[in-house]
Amino acid sequence: STSDLESPVVTYDTPGIHNVELTVGNANGTVSTTATNYITVLASTGAPLPYSESFENMGADLDPAQWNVVNEDNDAYTFSLSSNAGYTGSHSVKMRNHNNTEGRVDELLGPTVDISQETTIALTFRYAFARRTPGNDDMLRLYVSANCGDTWNLRKQLRGSNDLFTVPDQGSAFIPNSQDQWQQAVIT
């Protein structure tokens, strides 16, 4: 879609992630800029409640139509689907972070869930984590958005130094192998 208007309105009808290009010009020439992956159009208004995801029927990878991984380093040390461990089955989402560097941030964006008709919401998830050393202070933060991702609110933070670890420190990569190695978090 293109426009000659001073303040154009552009509608994106196709679900997916879209680039935005702006070209301006006058008698002296034109200048263009592109914002990569700037607009996200959802396939629907959101999943109905109750919503649950076990990752058991996902296939080989996270479904990109529902789950978006933001990995600025574009490497293997980020969120991915695992078929080696799960609380009630054999699948979960894992982060291979055994050799990650300090200060790194990776994001896992889940599907939109329609809670517009609800007054009380409880979000529950299970997690398993092992520190490499007692000084390891990795953080798991859960954010929610009430406006399709324009702004985000921190709802839960777990820190490796005091409440994220679910097993004793591990000197090698950790894969949970029993339900007692998982903890449950509930956010209302």
Protein backbone atom coordinates (compact mmCIF):
# COMPACT_ATOMS: atom_id res chain seq x y z
CA SER A 1 0.00 0.00 0.00
CA THR A 2 1.30 3.45 -0.83
CA SER A 3 0.05 6.95 -0.14
CA ASP A 4 0.79 10.57 -1.02
CA LEU A 5 -0.98 11.85 2.11
CA GLU A 6 0.82 13.79 4.83
CA SER A 7 -0.45 11.36 7.51
CA PRO A 8 -1.27 8.11 5.70
CA VAL A 9 -3.19 5.24 7.25
CA VAL A 10 -2.05 1.81 6.08
CA THR A 11 -3.92 -1.41 6.89
CA TYR A 12 -2.13 -4.75 6.95
CA ASP A 13 -4.67 -7.47 6.20
CA THR A 14 -2.30 -10.45 5.95
CA PRO A 15 -1.21 -12.13 9.22
CA GLY A 16 2.55 -12.20 9.78
CA ILE A 17 5.47 -9.90 10.44
CA HIS A 18 5.89 -7.04 7.97
CA ASN A 19 8.52 -4.45 7.14
CA VAL A 20 7.61 -0.77 6.84
CA GLU A 21 9.24 1.47 4.25
CA LEU A 22 9.05 5.25 4.22
CA THR A 23 10.16 7.28 1.23
CA VAL A 24 10.05 11.08 1.30
CA GLY A 25 11.08 13.46 -1.37
CA ASN A 26 11.06 16.92 -2.80
CA ALA A 27 12.62 18.75 -5.72
CA ASN A 28 16.09 17.90 -4.39
CA GLY A 29 15.58 14.11 -4.38
CA THR A 30 14.21 11.27 -2.26
CA VAL A 31 15.32 9.44 0.87
CA SER A 32 14.07 6.01 2.01
CA THR A 33 14.28 4.05 5.23
CA THR A 34 12.99 0.60 6.14
CA ALA A 35 11.96 -0.65 9.58
CA THR A 36 12.48 -4.42 9.49
CA ASN A 37 9.85 -6.65 11.17
CA TYR A 38 8.05 -3.54 12.46
CA ILE A 39 4.39 -4.58 12.13
CA THR A 40 2.97 -7.83 13.51
CA VAL A 41 -0.51 -8.84 12.33
CA LEU A 42 -2.08 -11.61 14.37
CA ALA A 43 -4.09 -14.38 12.72
CA SER A 44 -6.97 -13.84 15.15
CA THR A 45 -8.03 -11.76 18.13
CA GLY A 46 -6.52 -14.34 20.44
CA ALA A 47 -6.98 -17.83 21.76
CA PRO A 48 -10.10 -18.37 23.88
CA LEU A 49 -9.96 -19.31 27.54
CA PRO A 50 -9.14 -21.63 29.09
CA TYR A 51 -5.80 -21.68 27.25
CA SER A 52 -3.21 -24.40 27.79
CA GLU A 53 0.00 -25.40 26.00
CA SER A 54 1.93 -28.61 26.71
CA PHE A 55 4.15 -28.43 23.57
CA GLU A 56 3.48 -32.15 23.09
CA ASN A 57 1.83 -31.78 19.66
CA MET A 58 4.10 -29.04 18.33
CA GLY A 59 6.21 -31.06 15.89
CA ALA A 60 9.97 -30.53 15.59
CA ASP A 61 10.04 -26.75 16.26
CA LEU A 62 8.02 -24.06 18.00
CA ASP A 63 5.08 -23.02 15.83
CA PRO A 64 6.16 -19.60 14.45
CA ALA A 65 2.53 -18.59 14.00
CA GLN A 66 2.14 -18.69 17.80
CA TRP A 67 5.61 -18.51 19.33
CA ASN A 68 8.21 -15.89 18.41
CA VAL A 69 11.82 -16.18 19.61
CA VAL A 70 13.80 -12.94 19.80
CA ASN A 71 17.50 -13.84 19.71
CA GLU A 72 19.60 -10.80 18.86
CA ASP A 73 22.79 -12.87 18.54
CA ASN A 74 21.02 -15.24 16.11
CA ASP A 75 22.71 -18.31 17.56
CA ALA A 76 21.76 -21.65 19.13
CA TYR A 77 21.84 -20.29 22.70
CA THR A 78 18.18 -19.29 22.91
CA PHE A 79 14.67 -20.69 23.36
CA SER A 80 13.76 -23.81 21.40
CA LEU A 81 11.46 -26.81 21.58
CA SER A 82 12.83 -29.76 23.51
CA SER A 83 11.66 -33.34 23.20
CA ASN A 84 13.98 -34.48 26.03
CA ALA A 85 12.05 -33.23 29.06
CA GLY A 86 8.60 -32.16 30.15
CA TYR A 87 6.66 -32.02 33.38
CA THR A 88 3.84 -34.32 32.23
CA GLY A 89 5.18 -35.47 28.87
CA SER A 90 8.41 -35.34 26.91
CA HIS A 91 8.22 -31.78 25.49
CA SER A 92 8.94 -28.32 26.84
CA VAL A 93 10.61 -25.09 25.81
CA LYS A 94 14.24 -24.89 26.81
CA MET A 95 16.98 -22.33 26.73
CA ARG A 96 20.45 -23.65 26.06
CA ASN A 97 22.25 -21.19 28.30
CA HIS A 98 25.08 -23.22 29.79
CA ASN A 99 27.69 -21.18 27.88
CA ASN A 100 25.81 -17.89 27.51
CA THR A 101 27.51 -14.61 28.29
CA GLU A 102 26.54 -12.25 31.10
CA GLY A 103 24.04 -9.54 30.20
CA ARG A 104 22.47 -11.41 27.32
CA VAL A 105 18.68 -11.10 26.87
CA ASP A 106 16.52 -13.53 24.88
CA GLU A 107 12.75 -13.36 24.55
CA LEU A 108 10.01 -15.91 23.96
CA LEU A 109 6.74 -14.30 22.89
CA GLY A 110 3.72 -16.54 23.25
CA PRO A 111 0.38 -16.49 21.49
CA THR A 112 -2.23 -13.82 22.10
CA VAL A 113 -4.96 -14.93 24.50
CA ASP A 114 -8.28 -13.07 24.60
CA ILE A 115 -8.99 -12.15 28.25
CA SER A 116 -11.20 -9.15 27.44
CA GLN A 117 -14.27 -10.66 29.13
CA GLU A 118 -12.48 -11.80 32.29
CA THR A 119 -12.15 -10.01 35.63
CA THR A 120 -9.75 -12.44 37.32
CA ILE A 121 -6.94 -14.21 35.48
CA ALA A 122 -4.45 -16.80 36.74
CA LEU A 123 -1.42 -17.64 34.63
CA THR A 124 0.36 -20.81 35.67
CA PHE A 125 3.56 -22.33 34.29
CA ARG A 126 6.19 -24.83 35.34
CA TYR A 127 9.93 -24.31 35.07
CA ALA A 128 13.15 -26.20 35.83
CA PHE A 129 16.52 -24.46 36.24
CA ALA A 130 20.00 -25.25 37.53
CA ARG A 131 22.69 -22.70 38.27
CA ARG A 132 26.23 -23.33 37.03
CA THR A 133 27.72 -21.84 40.20
CA PRO A 134 26.32 -20.26 43.38
CA GLY A 135 27.07 -16.80 41.90
CA ASN A 136 24.90 -17.45 38.84
CA ASP A 137 22.08 -14.89 38.79
CA ASP A 138 20.17 -15.65 35.59
CA MET A 139 16.66 -14.19 35.55
CA LEU A 140 13.38 -15.41 34.17
CA ARG A 141 10.96 -12.54 33.70
CA LEU A 142 7.34 -12.83 32.63
CA TYR A 143 5.71 -9.80 31.04
CA VAL A 144 2.14 -9.31 29.84
CA SER A 145 0.69 -6.75 27.45
CA ALA A 146 -2.84 -5.40 27.42
CA ASN A 147 -2.37 -3.54 24.13
CA CYS A 148 -0.97 -6.10 21.67
CA GLY A 149 2.66 -5.49 22.60
CA ASP A 150 2.84 -1.69 22.54
CA THR A 151 3.79 -1.75 26.22
CA TRP A 152 4.68 -4.59 28.57
CA ASN A 153 4.20 -5.00 32.34
CA LEU A 154 6.50 -7.17 34.46
CA ARG A 155 4.32 -9.68 36.33
CA LYS A 156 6.88 -12.18 37.65
CA GLN A 157 10.65 -12.27 38.09
CA LEU A 158 12.59 -15.29 39.27
CA ARG A 159 16.32 -14.90 40.02
CA GLY A 160 19.00 -17.57 39.91
CA SER A 161 20.47 -16.21 43.15
CA ASN A 162 17.41 -16.97 45.26
CA ASP A 163 14.23 -18.43 43.72
CA LEU A 164 14.76 -19.64 40.13
CA PHE A 165 16.87 -22.76 40.75
CA THR A 166 14.92 -25.99 41.19
CA VAL A 167 17.85 -28.39 41.70
CA PRO A 168 21.35 -28.08 43.19
CA ASP A 169 24.04 -26.36 41.10
CA GLN A 170 25.14 -28.31 38.02
CA GLY A 171 28.60 -28.14 36.45
CA SER A 172 27.29 -29.32 33.08
CA ALA A 173 24.15 -28.86 30.98
CA PHE A 174 20.98 -29.62 32.97
CA ILE A 175 18.03 -31.64 31.66
CA PRO A 176 15.27 -32.30 34.22
CA ASN A 177 14.48 -36.01 34.54
CA SER A 178 11.67 -36.10 37.13
CA GLN A 179 8.66 -34.03 38.18
CA ASP A 180 10.29 -33.07 41.48
CA GLN A 181 12.89 -31.04 39.53
CA TRP A 182 10.16 -28.65 38.32
CA GLN A 183 8.50 -25.79 40.20
CA GLN A 184 5.20 -24.05 39.50
CA ALA A 185 4.66 -20.30 39.25
CA VAL A 186 1.22 -18.69 39.50
CA ILE A 187 0.54 -15.08 38.54
CA THR A 188 -2.86 -13.48 39.19
